[in-house]
């Protein structure tokens, strides 16, 4: 992850390039508040993981301010995933603070690109400089199924049984099953057989 600081000094600034990634449009950044977003731009995450958006605010003005920081409802999925999408803090002049938005992405989330829109607003104390907007994309990647390693042990049961074709047991007669364990690791391992459906005295 990387972070970048963007300050607007009252004049039009061109979009900055940080590590080859264009920054969002800077026309709405206020000169009294500095915002540092981490991640600062687009970010990719796997479904089932938690996306964390860290927002650091610095009050560079001359007034103490009550500041609302929130993910706008138009961000649809990201707004729904976020545990606390709206946060509020108070900053004295020259004071800074960080807020964190935790957004657990559901395992069943559809892979794709989700846009989110962050708003920083202080209408009571800095109405001329806010709201400040931060726009970025969250790319959700599909979950990767855990593959069986080549050295993982395997086993087979003789006779082979399934839920559709179970083994036939005759009352009064023993049922013989053979379990073959294939230890494909180079190390010597110990295996235990535990039959959950067999009575203790069976």
Protein backbone atom coordinates (compact mmCIF):
# COMPACT_ATOMS: atom_id res chain seq x y z
CA UNK A 1 0.00 0.00 0.00
CA UNK A 2 1.09 3.56 -0.58
CA UNK A 3 -0.16 6.97 0.48
CA UNK A 4 0.04 10.41 -0.98
CA UNK A 5 -0.75 13.87 0.36
CA UNK A 6 -2.75 16.37 -1.69
CA UNK A 7 -3.15 20.02 -0.74
CA UNK A 8 -5.08 22.67 -2.65
CA UNK A 9 -3.74 26.23 -2.25
CA UNK A 10 -6.60 28.02 -3.96
CA UNK A 11 -5.19 27.69 -7.49
CA UNK A 12 -5.98 25.20 -10.20
CA UNK A 13 -3.51 22.28 -10.16
CA UNK A 14 -3.07 19.59 -12.79
CA UNK A 15 -3.53 15.95 -11.84
CA UNK A 16 -0.40 14.56 -10.22
CA UNK A 17 1.13 11.24 -11.17
CA UNK A 18 2.27 9.03 -8.28
CA UNK A 19 3.99 5.78 -9.17
CA UNK A 20 2.41 5.89 -12.61
CA UNK A 21 -1.15 6.19 -11.25
CA UNK A 22 -3.11 9.42 -11.96
CA UNK A 23 -4.48 11.10 -8.87
CA UNK A 24 -8.18 12.04 -8.64
CA UNK A 25 -9.33 15.46 -9.84
CA UNK A 26 -8.06 18.14 -7.45
CA UNK A 27 -10.45 21.03 -8.14
CA UNK A 28 -12.47 20.43 -4.95
CA UNK A 29 -9.62 20.09 -2.46
CA UNK A 30 -9.75 22.71 0.32
CA UNK A 31 -6.83 24.82 1.49
CA UNK A 32 -7.78 24.56 5.18
CA UNK A 33 -7.91 20.77 5.37
CA UNK A 34 -5.31 18.30 4.15
CA UNK A 35 -6.40 14.76 3.36
CA UNK A 36 -4.12 11.73 3.11
CA UNK A 37 -5.77 8.57 1.77
CA UNK A 38 -4.21 5.13 2.04
CA UNK A 39 -4.60 3.51 -0.42
CA UNK A 40 -4.48 6.72 -2.43
CA UNK A 41 -6.01 5.29 -5.59
CA UNK A 42 -7.44 2.10 -7.04
CA UNK A 43 -6.96 -1.07 -5.02
CA UNK A 44 -7.48 -4.80 -5.62
CA UNK A 45 -8.67 -7.30 -3.02
CA UNK A 46 -9.85 -10.90 -2.99
CA UNK A 47 -13.45 -11.69 -2.12
CA UNK A 48 -13.70 -12.69 1.53
CA UNK A 49 -10.99 -10.28 2.67
CA UNK A 50 -11.43 -6.91 4.42
CA UNK A 51 -10.72 -3.66 2.61
CA UNK A 52 -9.33 -0.96 4.91
CA UNK A 53 -9.37 2.68 3.86
CA UNK A 54 -7.23 4.90 6.11
CA UNK A 55 -8.02 8.62 6.00
CA UNK A 56 -5.75 11.10 7.77
CA UNK A 57 -7.04 14.67 8.13
CA UNK A 58 -4.96 17.69 9.07
CA UNK A 59 -6.62 20.93 10.13
CA UNK A 60 -4.35 23.62 8.67
CA UNK A 61 -6.85 26.41 9.24
CA UNK A 62 -7.28 28.82 12.13
CA UNK A 63 -10.53 27.35 13.47
CA UNK A 64 -11.39 24.24 15.40
CA UNK A 65 -13.68 22.17 13.21
CA UNK A 66 -16.18 19.35 13.39
CA UNK A 67 -15.58 17.20 10.32
CA UNK A 68 -17.78 14.53 8.79
CA UNK A 69 -16.00 11.82 6.83
CA UNK A 70 -18.16 9.30 5.04
CA UNK A 71 -18.48 6.95 2.11
CA UNK A 72 -21.35 8.26 0.05
CA UNK A 73 -24.43 6.06 -0.37
CA UNK A 74 -24.00 6.25 -4.14
CA UNK A 75 -21.03 3.93 -3.65
CA UNK A 76 -23.64 1.12 -3.40
CA UNK A 77 -21.76 -2.12 -2.63
CA UNK A 78 -18.75 -0.56 -0.87
CA UNK A 79 -21.11 1.51 1.28
CA UNK A 80 -23.09 -1.62 2.17
CA UNK A 81 -19.95 -3.59 3.04
CA UNK A 82 -18.52 -0.88 5.28
CA UNK A 83 -19.21 -1.52 8.97
CA UNK A 84 -19.32 2.23 9.83
CA UNK A 85 -19.63 4.26 6.60
CA UNK A 86 -20.09 7.62 8.38
CA UNK A 87 -17.64 8.96 10.97
CA UNK A 88 -17.25 12.34 12.68
CA UNK A 89 -14.28 13.92 14.43
CA UNK A 90 -13.27 17.27 15.92
CA UNK A 91 -9.91 18.84 15.12
CA UNK A 92 -8.26 21.84 16.69
CA UNK A 93 -6.07 24.08 14.50
CA UNK A 94 -2.90 22.29 13.36
CA UNK A 95 -4.20 19.00 14.74
CA UNK A 96 -4.43 15.74 12.78
CA UNK A 97 -6.32 12.49 13.23
CA UNK A 98 -6.96 9.27 11.35
CA UNK A 99 -10.21 7.44 10.68
CA UNK A 100 -10.37 3.91 9.31
CA UNK A 101 -13.17 2.46 7.21
CA UNK A 102 -13.29 -1.34 7.44
CA UNK A 103 -15.23 -2.98 4.63
CA UNK A 104 -15.41 -6.80 4.78
CA UNK A 105 -15.97 -8.00 1.23
CA UNK A 106 -18.39 -10.97 1.25
CA UNK A 107 -16.94 -14.25 -0.05
CA UNK A 108 -19.83 -14.43 -2.53
CA UNK A 109 -19.20 -10.92 -3.89
CA UNK A 110 -19.25 -10.78 -7.68
CA UNK A 111 -15.74 -10.14 -9.06
CA UNK A 112 -15.51 -6.75 -10.74
CA UNK A 113 -14.67 -3.08 -10.24
CA UNK A 114 -16.63 -1.13 -7.63
CA UNK A 115 -16.38 2.65 -7.52
CA UNK A 116 -16.52 4.42 -4.17
CA UNK A 117 -16.94 8.09 -3.37
CA UNK A 118 -15.51 9.54 -0.15
CA UNK A 119 -16.72 12.90 1.19
CA UNK A 120 -15.07 15.15 3.79
CA UNK A 121 -17.34 17.96 4.95
CA UNK A 122 -17.09 20.71 7.57
CA UNK A 123 -19.98 23.05 6.69
CA UNK A 124 -20.07 24.81 10.08
CA UNK A 125 -16.44 25.89 10.15
CA UNK A 126 -15.02 25.63 6.61
CA UNK A 127 -17.99 25.99 4.26
CA UNK A 128 -15.81 27.70 1.64
CA UNK A 129 -13.37 24.75 1.46
CA UNK A 130 -15.67 21.76 1.81
CA UNK A 131 -16.99 19.32 0.81
CA UNK A 132 -13.82 17.55 -0.33
CA UNK A 133 -14.24 14.52 -2.58
CA UNK A 134 -12.06 11.47 -3.10
CA UNK A 135 -13.02 9.04 -5.84
CA UNK A 136 -11.40 5.63 -6.44
CA UNK A 137 -12.11 2.05 -7.49
CA UNK A 138 -12.05 -1.18 -5.53
CA UNK A 139 -11.41 -4.24 -7.69
CA UNK A 140 -12.77 -7.47 -6.23
CA UNK A 141 -10.93 -10.58 -7.38
CA UNK A 142 -12.40 -14.11 -7.27
CA UNK A 143 -11.42 -16.41 -4.46
CA UNK A 144 -8.70 -18.89 -5.33
CA UNK A 145 -9.57 -22.46 -4.39
CA UNK A 146 -6.93 -24.12 -2.25
CA UNK A 147 -5.10 -26.67 -4.34
CA UNK A 148 -4.02 -30.06 -3.01
CA UNK A 149 -0.27 -30.13 -2.70
CA UNK A 150 1.61 -32.91 -4.40
CA UNK A 151 3.04 -34.06 -1.09
CA UNK A 152 -0.29 -34.14 0.77
CA UNK A 153 -1.33 -37.63 1.94
CA UNK A 154 -4.19 -39.43 0.21
CA UNK A 155 -6.24 -42.43 1.19
CA UNK A 156 -8.59 -44.89 -0.44
CA UNK A 157 -11.21 -47.23 1.00
CA UNK A 158 -11.82 -50.79 -0.19
CA UNK A 159 -14.56 -51.54 -0.99
CA UNK A 160 -15.30 -48.03 -2.22
CA UNK A 161 -18.54 -46.61 -0.81
CA UNK A 162 -20.66 -43.54 -1.39
CA UNK A 163 -23.82 -42.12 0.13
CA UNK A 164 -25.71 -43.62 -2.80
CA UNK A 165 -23.95 -47.02 -2.67
CA UNK A 166 -23.10 -47.71 1.00
CA UNK A 167 -21.41 -50.85 2.26
CA UNK A 168 -23.81 -53.68 3.08
CA UNK A 169 -23.52 -55.03 6.62
CA UNK A 170 -25.11 -58.38 7.56
CA UNK A 171 -26.20 -58.82 11.15
CA UNK A 172 -23.91 -61.17 13.06
CA UNK A 173 -21.16 -61.05 10.46
CA UNK A 174 -18.04 -58.86 10.51
CA UNK A 175 -17.69 -56.07 7.97
CA UNK A 176 -14.17 -55.86 6.62
CA UNK A 177 -12.91 -52.56 5.24
CA UNK A 178 -9.41 -51.86 3.98
CA UNK A 179 -7.97 -48.37 4.27
CA UNK A 180 -4.91 -47.62 2.14
CA UNK A 181 -2.98 -44.46 3.10
CA UNK A 182 -0.50 -43.04 0.61
CA UNK A 183 2.08 -40.84 2.34
CA UNK A 184 3.56 -38.81 -0.50
CA UNK A 185 5.79 -36.72 1.74
CA UNK A 186 9.45 -37.53 2.26
CA UNK A 187 8.99 -37.43 6.01
CA UNK A 188 7.68 -40.23 8.21
CA UNK A 189 4.19 -39.31 9.39
CA UNK A 190 1.80 -40.90 11.85
CA UNK A 191 -1.86 -41.33 10.90
CA UNK A 192 -4.81 -42.14 13.12
CA UNK A 193 -8.10 -43.71 12.06
CA UNK A 194 -11.21 -42.45 13.80
CA UNK A 195 -14.66 -43.75 12.80
CA UNK A 196 -17.28 -41.35 14.07
CA UNK A 197 -20.29 -43.51 13.13
CA UNK A 198 -19.10 -46.72 14.84
CA UNK A 199 -20.34 -47.28 18.42
CA UNK A 200 -17.51 -47.48 20.99
CA UNK A 201 -18.30 -51.12 21.75
CA UNK A 202 -19.22 -52.00 18.16
